[in-house]
């Protein structure tokens, strides 16, 4: 169907119905053109394109529209996108397409190369006093670009793929082409991300994994492999770490029957009790990782990172001050929880806080599948009472069993 100079296009009913019935990972790649650079100068959106992806596959369903902003377009921007005020004279204002756009974006994850696109869309919705269904384009929401969501190596692969697709486009341009190239580049760059639909599917994907492989479950698939110490907005991580550990050591002694024997044991103890550290939790068990990937964040897809670990370092041989690369080790200062979770740790140097290596694969669990994963895991004895073998874990498990 035509939508004022663009189209809201749908795949044949049987294909689209099959994709949507699976209710898995839904994304949309968007691109826009505007009258100028700054929202604060009153600049507006004049073209928007959105391409739908289901399970990282372009479905053929897309939204594309030109918009009359009823204001002048910067000459510099006309030179970039070629859209003139004369061309837009018979195009609709944003208020006439806002409902269709809102329904199209709905609950999809939005993929965009620049957060400015989200900011411009948020501004348009706010100007028309409409609260969008999609939280990513609400005025005060946190807005993330692909650079924020992807690891550095994956983002580099995305940029390279986009550059190659741009060269193949033979000087064609427009928001719809930009959105399609962006979607194709994203798919190409994230070929190490595999969607799993069930626990059986997950186990099939990892059946040939090595016994030394490590697994880490995250409730939001966009969470990076970054220890809690480095998630602070300020950069003085080392000074903050020294201060926190000094206080922790001074006051934790009264609660301990046995004191840690070295700095690594102190770190793993602090990590276990929730202090921000340079240590990251992993497990030798994929089921444990699956538990943590599905227990929270019901509105976000979860993920399981798989790391092909081979050489483990002895904790007594790790010198934090001389650490040059991410190192994995088996902790000796254990606890009931650590044992139940088959816990292993990686420790990260200041020079490489985020773990990003080709030896990592990512299994994605769609948000709509989290509950079925949890129910199946519980049947196999993987639930809060076994992962947290204490009264807190038991109570949490009983509550979940009774829908609290």
Protein backbone atom coordinates (compact mmCIF):
# COMPACT_ATOMS: atom_id res chain seq x y z
CA UNK A 1 0.00 0.00 0.00
CA UNK A 2 1.24 3.49 -0.75
CA UNK A 3 2.05 5.79 2.14
CA UNK A 4 2.52 9.25 0.67
CA UNK A 5 5.60 8.74 -1.45
CA UNK A 6 6.79 5.57 0.24
CA UNK A 7 5.29 2.23 1.11
CA UNK A 8 4.36 0.01 4.00
CA UNK A 9 5.19 -3.31 2.42
CA UNK A 10 4.21 -6.79 3.64
CA UNK A 11 5.45 -10.24 2.71
CA UNK A 12 2.88 -12.83 1.57
CA UNK A 13 0.59 -13.79 4.41
CA UNK A 14 1.82 -17.37 4.87
CA UNK A 15 5.50 -16.37 5.11
CA UNK A 16 4.84 -13.45 7.45
CA UNK A 17 2.47 -15.54 9.56
CA UNK A 18 5.08 -18.26 9.98
CA UNK A 19 7.73 -15.78 11.08
CA UNK A 20 5.50 -13.94 13.53
CA UNK A 21 3.99 -17.10 15.04
CA UNK A 22 7.47 -18.08 16.18
CA UNK A 23 7.51 -14.86 18.21
CA UNK A 24 11.28 -14.75 18.40
CA UNK A 25 13.84 -11.98 17.97
CA UNK A 26 12.34 -8.89 16.34
CA UNK A 27 14.46 -5.98 15.15
CA UNK A 28 14.13 -3.06 12.79
CA UNK A 29 16.92 -1.22 10.96
CA UNK A 30 16.14 2.48 10.60
CA UNK A 31 17.66 5.38 8.69
CA UNK A 32 16.47 8.97 8.36
CA UNK A 33 17.21 12.19 6.53
CA UNK A 34 16.63 15.62 8.06
CA UNK A 35 16.50 19.31 7.23
CA UNK A 36 19.71 19.94 9.18
CA UNK A 37 22.02 18.78 11.90
CA UNK A 38 20.68 20.08 15.21
CA UNK A 39 17.29 19.49 16.81
CA UNK A 40 17.87 22.58 18.93
CA UNK A 41 17.84 24.67 15.71
CA UNK A 42 14.38 23.35 14.89
CA UNK A 43 15.46 20.84 12.27
CA UNK A 44 13.04 18.05 11.40
CA UNK A 45 12.81 14.60 9.83
CA UNK A 46 12.03 14.58 6.09
CA UNK A 47 12.58 10.92 5.22
CA UNK A 48 12.38 7.75 7.28
CA UNK A 49 12.96 4.13 6.32
CA UNK A 50 12.60 1.05 8.53
CA UNK A 51 13.33 -2.55 7.55
CA UNK A 52 12.15 -5.46 9.68
CA UNK A 53 14.34 -8.40 10.72
CA UNK A 54 13.00 -11.55 12.37
CA UNK A 55 15.62 -13.91 13.76
CA UNK A 56 18.28 -11.81 12.02
CA UNK A 57 16.61 -12.36 8.64
CA UNK A 58 15.18 -9.53 6.53
CA UNK A 59 11.48 -10.35 6.16
CA UNK A 60 10.68 -8.04 3.24
CA UNK A 61 8.36 -5.95 5.39
CA UNK A 62 9.36 -2.31 5.52
CA UNK A 63 8.14 1.25 6.06
CA UNK A 64 9.32 4.17 3.93
CA UNK A 65 8.00 7.69 3.74
CA UNK A 66 8.96 11.26 2.78
CA UNK A 67 7.68 13.98 5.11
CA UNK A 68 6.93 17.67 4.60
CA UNK A 69 8.63 19.54 7.48
CA UNK A 70 7.11 22.94 6.58
CA UNK A 71 10.47 24.63 7.02
CA UNK A 72 13.62 25.35 5.00
CA UNK A 73 16.17 22.63 4.35
CA UNK A 74 19.84 23.39 4.88
CA UNK A 75 21.73 23.74 1.59
CA UNK A 76 24.53 21.60 3.00
CA UNK A 77 22.05 18.79 3.71
CA UNK A 78 20.41 19.06 0.29
CA UNK A 79 23.88 18.43 -1.12
CA UNK A 80 24.06 15.26 1.00
CA UNK A 81 20.63 13.68 0.45
CA UNK A 82 19.30 15.56 -2.58
CA UNK A 83 15.85 16.17 -1.08
CA UNK A 84 14.49 19.65 -1.82
CA UNK A 85 11.62 21.69 -0.43
CA UNK A 86 9.91 21.53 -3.83
CA UNK A 87 10.00 17.72 -3.83
CA UNK A 88 8.37 17.62 -0.36
CA UNK A 89 5.57 20.09 -1.10
CA UNK A 90 2.92 17.39 -1.72
CA UNK A 91 4.21 15.01 0.98
CA UNK A 92 2.38 14.51 4.29
CA UNK A 93 3.33 16.11 7.60
CA UNK A 94 4.68 13.86 10.32
CA UNK A 95 1.33 13.83 12.15
CA UNK A 96 -0.26 11.98 9.23
CA UNK A 97 2.16 9.06 9.32
CA UNK A 98 2.86 8.87 13.05
CA UNK A 99 0.34 6.10 13.79
CA UNK A 100 1.60 3.81 11.02
CA UNK A 101 5.19 4.41 12.05
CA UNK A 102 4.44 3.81 15.71
CA UNK A 103 2.72 0.50 14.94
CA UNK A 104 5.56 -0.60 12.68
CA UNK A 105 8.28 0.04 15.26
CA UNK A 106 6.16 -1.20 18.21
CA UNK A 107 8.25 -3.60 20.33
CA UNK A 108 11.13 -4.21 17.93
CA UNK A 109 14.73 -3.59 18.92
CA UNK A 110 15.91 -0.62 16.87
CA UNK A 111 19.21 -0.87 15.00
CA UNK A 112 20.81 2.39 13.94
CA UNK A 113 24.34 3.56 13.24
CA UNK A 114 23.80 6.85 15.10
CA UNK A 115 21.74 7.70 18.17
CA UNK A 116 20.88 11.02 16.51
CA UNK A 117 18.27 9.16 14.44
CA UNK A 118 16.55 8.06 17.66
CA UNK A 119 16.79 11.57 19.09
CA UNK A 120 15.17 13.10 15.99
CA UNK A 121 12.34 10.54 16.10
CA UNK A 122 11.84 11.11 19.82
CA UNK A 123 11.61 14.84 19.12
CA UNK A 124 8.97 14.31 16.43
CA UNK A 125 6.82 12.17 18.74
CA UNK A 126 7.18 14.70 21.53
CA UNK A 127 6.24 17.61 19.24
CA UNK A 128 3.05 15.74 18.35
CA UNK A 129 2.38 14.79 21.99
CA UNK A 130 2.39 11.09 21.24
CA UNK A 131 4.05 8.58 23.56
CA UNK A 132 5.66 5.97 21.27
CA UNK A 133 5.18 2.27 21.92
CA UNK A 134 8.88 1.64 21.41
CA UNK A 135 10.86 2.80 24.49
CA UNK A 136 13.99 3.50 22.41
CA UNK A 137 12.38 6.59 20.90
CA UNK A 138 10.96 8.08 24.06
CA UNK A 139 12.47 11.42 25.02
CA UNK A 140 14.20 10.43 28.28
CA UNK A 141 15.13 6.83 27.40
CA UNK A 142 18.69 5.64 27.04
CA UNK A 143 19.51 5.54 23.35
CA UNK A 144 22.02 3.08 21.93
CA UNK A 145 23.62 2.86 18.51
CA UNK A 146 25.18 -0.25 17.02
CA UNK A 147 28.54 1.01 18.28
CA UNK A 148 27.14 0.82 21.84
CA UNK A 149 25.55 -2.61 21.39
CA UNK A 150 28.27 -4.51 19.53
CA UNK A 151 31.71 -5.51 20.74
CA UNK A 152 34.56 -3.56 19.19
CA UNK A 153 35.59 -6.37 16.84
CA UNK A 154 31.98 -6.96 15.74
CA UNK A 155 31.44 -3.24 15.19
CA UNK A 156 34.63 -3.10 13.11
CA UNK A 157 33.26 -5.99 11.02
CA UNK A 158 29.96 -4.11 10.66
CA UNK A 159 31.74 -0.96 9.43
CA UNK A 160 33.80 -2.98 6.93
CA UNK A 161 30.70 -4.76 5.62
CA UNK A 162 28.81 -1.47 5.31
CA UNK A 163 31.72 0.06 3.39
CA UNK A 164 31.69 -2.88 0.96
CA UNK A 165 27.91 -2.70 0.49
CA UNK A 166 28.17 1.05 -0.11
CA UNK A 167 30.68 0.44 -2.89
CA UNK A 168 28.30 -2.05 -4.50
CA UNK A 169 25.37 0.41 -4.42
CA UNK A 170 26.74 2.29 -7.47
CA UNK A 171 26.24 5.78 -6.05
CA UNK A 172 22.56 5.21 -5.26
CA UNK A 173 21.36 6.86 -2.06
CA UNK A 174 18.34 7.37 0.17
CA UNK A 175 17.15 6.34 3.62
CA UNK A 176 15.62 3.07 2.39
CA UNK A 177 18.90 1.96 0.83
CA UNK A 178 20.79 3.07 3.97
CA UNK A 179 18.45 1.02 6.19
CA UNK A 180 18.86 -2.05 3.99
CA UNK A 181 22.66 -1.76 3.84
CA UNK A 182 22.73 -1.30 7.61
CA UNK A 183 20.60 -4.44 8.10
CA UNK A 184 22.75 -6.52 5.71
CA UNK A 185 25.94 -5.30 7.39
CA UNK A 186 24.58 -6.14 10.84
CA UNK A 187 23.65 -9.66 9.76
CA UNK A 188 27.07 -10.18 8.18
CA UNK A 189 28.97 -8.88 11.22
CA UNK A 190 27.04 -10.96 13.78
CA UNK A 191 27.43 -14.36 12.16
CA UNK A 192 28.84 -15.65 15.47
CA UNK A 193 25.43 -15.05 17.09
CA UNK A 194 23.09 -18.05 16.91
CA UNK A 195 19.43 -18.01 17.97
CA UNK A 196 18.18 -20.98 20.02
CA UNK A 197 14.48 -21.72 20.37
CA UNK A 198 14.48 -24.33 23.14
CA UNK A 199 16.73 -26.10 25.61
CA UNK A 200 16.89 -29.06 23.21
CA UNK A 201 18.02 -26.69 20.47
CA UNK A 202 20.66 -25.20 22.77
CA UNK A 203 22.05 -28.61 23.73
CA UNK A 204 22.19 -29.60 20.07
CA UNK A 205 24.21 -26.46 19.26
CA UNK A 206 26.81 -27.24 21.94
CA UNK A 207 26.96 -31.03 21.68
CA UNK A 208 30.49 -30.89 20.23
CA UNK A 209 31.83 -28.32 22.69
CA UNK A 210 35.06 -28.98 24.55
CA UNK A 211 34.89 -29.87 28.28
CA UNK A 212 37.08 -26.83 28.98
CA UNK A 213 34.70 -24.39 27.28
CA UNK A 214 33.27 -21.68 29.53
CA UNK A 215 29.69 -20.40 29.53
CA UNK A 216 28.29 -17.11 30.77
CA UNK A 217 24.60 -16.25 30.79
CA UNK A 218 23.38 -12.64 30.55
CA UNK A 219 19.74 -11.55 30.81
CA UNK A 220 20.19 -8.90 28.09
CA UNK A 221 21.99 -10.10 24.97
CA UNK A 222 23.54 -6.64 24.55
CA UNK A 223 25.44 -6.90 27.83
CA UNK A 224 29.13 -7.04 27.04
CA UNK A 225 31.81 -9.13 28.73
CA UNK A 226 32.82 -6.28 31.01
CA UNK A 227 33.47 -6.77 34.75
CA UNK A 228 31.47 -4.60 37.14
CA UNK A 229 34.54 -2.55 38.17
CA UNK A 230 34.80 -1.10 34.65
CA UNK A 231 31.11 -0.22 34.26
CA UNK A 232 31.56 3.06 36.13
CA UNK A 233 31.35 6.25 34.08
CA UNK A 234 34.67 7.53 35.49
CA UNK A 235 38.02 6.10 34.45
CA UNK A 236 39.89 5.94 37.77
CA UNK A 237 39.19 2.22 38.12
CA UNK A 238 42.45 1.29 39.81
CA UNK A 239 42.14 3.91 42.57
CA UNK A 240 38.50 3.00 43.14
CA UNK A 241 39.35 -0.69 43.29
CA UNK A 242 42.14 -0.15 45.82
CA UNK A 243 39.88 1.90 48.07
CA UNK A 244 36.99 -0.58 47.96
CA UNK A 245 39.21 -3.60 48.57
CA UNK A 246 40.98 -1.86 51.46
CA UNK A 247 37.64 -1.22 53.19
CA UNK A 248 36.36 -4.71 52.34
CA UNK A 249 39.43 -6.45 53.78
CA UNK A 250 39.38 -4.33 56.93
CA UNK A 251 35.75 -5.01 57.74
CA UNK A 252 35.13 -8.48 56.27
CA UNK A 253 37.46 -10.27 58.69
CA UNK A 254 34.87 -10.29 61.45
CA UNK A 255 32.54 -12.35 59.24
CA UNK A 256 35.06 -14.91 58.00
CA UNK A 257 35.97 -18.23 59.58
CA UNK A 258 38.94 -18.57 57.23
CA UNK A 259 40.84 -15.67 55.68
CA UNK A 260 41.75 -15.66 51.96
CA UNK A 261 45.38 -16.54 51.33
CA UNK A 262 46.12 -14.18 48.45
CA UNK A 263 44.80 -11.20 46.50
CA UNK A 264 42.95 -13.34 43.95
CA UNK A 265 41.05 -15.12 46.73
CA UNK A 266 40.10 -11.75 48.22
CA UNK A 267 38.82 -10.64 44.80
CA UNK A 268 36.71 -13.76 44.24
CA UNK A 269 35.27 -13.42 47.74
CA UNK A 270 34.41 -9.77 47.11
CA UNK A 271 32.90 -10.68 43.72
CA UNK A 272 30.78 -13.39 45.36
CA UNK A 273 29.32 -10.87 47.79
CA UNK A 274 28.52 -8.24 45.18
CA UNK A 275 31.45 -5.84 45.33
CA UNK A 276 32.45 -4.38 41.92
CA UNK A 277 35.66 -6.14 40.85
CA UNK A 278 37.78 -6.82 37.77
CA UNK A 279 36.60 -10.44 37.89
CA UNK A 280 33.88 -11.91 35.66
CA UNK A 281 31.82 -15.03 36.52
CA UNK A 282 31.67 -17.99 34.13
CA UNK A 283 30.53 -21.59 34.47
CA UNK A 284 31.63 -24.94 33.11
CA UNK A 285 27.93 -25.81 32.80
CA UNK A 286 25.79 -24.54 29.90
CA UNK A 287 22.66 -25.16 31.98
CA UNK A 288 23.90 -22.82 34.71
CA UNK A 289 24.58 -20.14 32.10
CA UNK A 290 21.12 -20.72 30.63
CA UNK A 291 19.60 -20.21 34.09
CA UNK A 292 21.19 -16.78 34.46
CA UNK A 293 20.29 -15.82 30.87
CA UNK A 294 16.58 -16.43 31.48
CA UNK A 295 15.91 -15.45 35.10
CA UNK A 296 15.34 -11.72 34.67
CA UNK A 297 14.81 -8.92 32.15
CA UNK A 298 11.65 -10.42 30.60
CA UNK A 299 11.50 -7.65 27.98
CA UNK A 300 15.03 -8.33 26.71
CA UNK A 301 16.52 -11.22 24.74
CA UNK A 302 19.00 -13.18 26.83
CA UNK A 303 22.29 -14.69 25.68
CA UNK A 304 24.88 -17.30 26.52
CA UNK A 305 28.51 -16.52 25.73
CA UNK A 306 30.66 -19.56 24.94
CA UNK A 307 34.40 -19.10 25.30
CA UNK A 308 36.84 -21.71 23.98
CA UNK A 309 39.07 -21.67 27.03
CA UNK A 310 42.01 -24.04 26.93
CA UNK A 311 44.83 -22.96 29.25
CA UNK A 312 43.88 -22.23 32.86
CA UNK A 313 46.24 -20.21 35.05
CA UNK A 314 46.89 -21.09 38.68
CA UNK A 315 45.58 -18.31 40.89
CA UNK A 316 48.81 -18.13 42.89
CA UNK A 317 50.67 -17.35 39.65
CA UNK A 318 48.47 -14.38 38.73
CA UNK A 319 50.04 -10.99 39.40
CA UNK A 320 47.30 -8.37 39.04
CA UNK A 321 49.80 -5.52 38.72
CA UNK A 322 51.51 -7.20 35.76
CA UNK A 323 48.38 -8.55 34.10
CA UNK A 324 48.46 -7.91 30.32
CA UNK A 325 45.53 -9.96 29.01
CA UNK A 326 42.29 -11.52 30.18
CA UNK A 327 43.16 -14.66 32.14
CA UNK A 328 40.89 -17.47 33.31
CA UNK A 329 41.35 -19.53 36.45
CA UNK A 330 39.64 -22.01 38.75
CA UNK A 331 39.04 -20.44 42.18
CA UNK A 332 40.28 -22.30 45.22
CA UNK A 333 38.48 -20.11 47.77
CA UNK A 334 35.08 -21.64 47.14
CA UNK A 335 31.56 -21.46 48.50
CA UNK A 336 28.42 -23.54 48.21
CA UNK A 337 27.09 -21.24 45.50
CA UNK A 338 30.33 -21.34 43.54
CA UNK A 339 30.36 -25.13 43.68
CA UNK A 340 26.69 -25.41 42.70
CA UNK A 341 27.27 -23.10 39.75
CA UNK A 342 30.48 -24.83 38.55
CA UNK A 343 32.09 -21.43 38.81
CA UNK A 344 35.15 -20.26 36.92
CA UNK A 345 36.48 -16.69 36.65
CA UNK A 346 38.23 -14.45 34.19
CA UNK A 347 40.31 -11.57 35.53
CA UNK A 348 40.71 -8.47 33.37
CA UNK A 349 43.60 -5.98 33.18
CA UNK A 350 43.09 -2.21 32.98
CA UNK A 351 44.44 -2.26 29.43
CA UNK A 352 41.77 -4.74 28.28
CA UNK A 353 38.66 -4.39 30.46
CA UNK A 354 36.22 -5.81 27.89
CA UNK A 355 36.69 -9.39 26.76
CA UNK A 356 36.47 -9.51 22.97
CA UNK A 357 37.96 -12.43 21.09
CA UNK A 358 37.12 -14.59 18.03
CA UNK A 359 37.04 -17.60 20.38
CA UNK A 360 33.64 -16.45 21.67
CA UNK A 361 30.29 -17.57 20.28
CA UNK A 362 26.96 -16.12 21.38
CA UNK A 363 23.72 -18.08 21.69
CA UNK A 364 20.68 -15.79 21.80
CA UNK A 365 17.53 -16.72 23.73
CA UNK A 366 14.55 -14.64 22.53
CA UNK A 367 12.66 -12.90 25.31
CA UNK A 368 9.44 -14.73 24.40
CA UNK A 369 11.18 -18.05 25.05
CA UNK A 370 12.64 -17.27 28.47
CA UNK A 371 9.74 -18.67 30.46
CA UNK A 372 9.70 -21.99 28.59
CA UNK A 373 13.47 -22.28 29.12
CA UNK A 374 13.02 -21.67 32.86
CA UNK A 375 10.31 -24.33 33.16
CA UNK A 376 12.41 -26.91 31.31
CA UNK A 377 15.50 -26.09 33.37
CA UNK A 378 13.54 -26.53 36.60
CA UNK A 379 12.47 -30.01 35.46
CA UNK A 380 16.17 -30.83 35.15
CA UNK A 381 16.80 -29.53 38.67
CA UNK A 382 18.30 -26.20 37.64
CA UNK A 383 16.45 -23.52 39.57
CA UNK A 384 17.00 -20.93 42.30
CA UNK A 385 17.10 -23.50 45.10
CA UNK A 386 19.95 -25.45 43.43
CA UNK A 387 21.84 -22.45 42.04
CA UNK A 388 21.69 -20.66 45.41
CA UNK A 389 21.83 -23.52 47.95
CA UNK A 390 20.68 -21.53 50.95
CA UNK A 391 17.39 -20.35 52.42
CA UNK A 392 17.26 -17.31 50.13
CA UNK A 393 17.49 -19.49 47.04
CA UNK A 394 14.93 -21.95 48.42
CA UNK A 395 12.48 -19.16 49.22
CA UNK A 396 12.91 -17.60 45.78
CA UNK A 397 12.25 -20.96 44.11
CA UNK A 398 9.09 -21.56 46.18
CA UNK A 399 7.85 -18.06 45.29
CA UNK A 400 8.39 -18.64 41.56
CA UNK A 401 6.64 -22.00 41.75
CA UNK A 402 3.60 -20.22 43.18
CA UNK A 403 3.63 -17.35 40.66
CA UNK A 404 4.87 -14.67 43.04
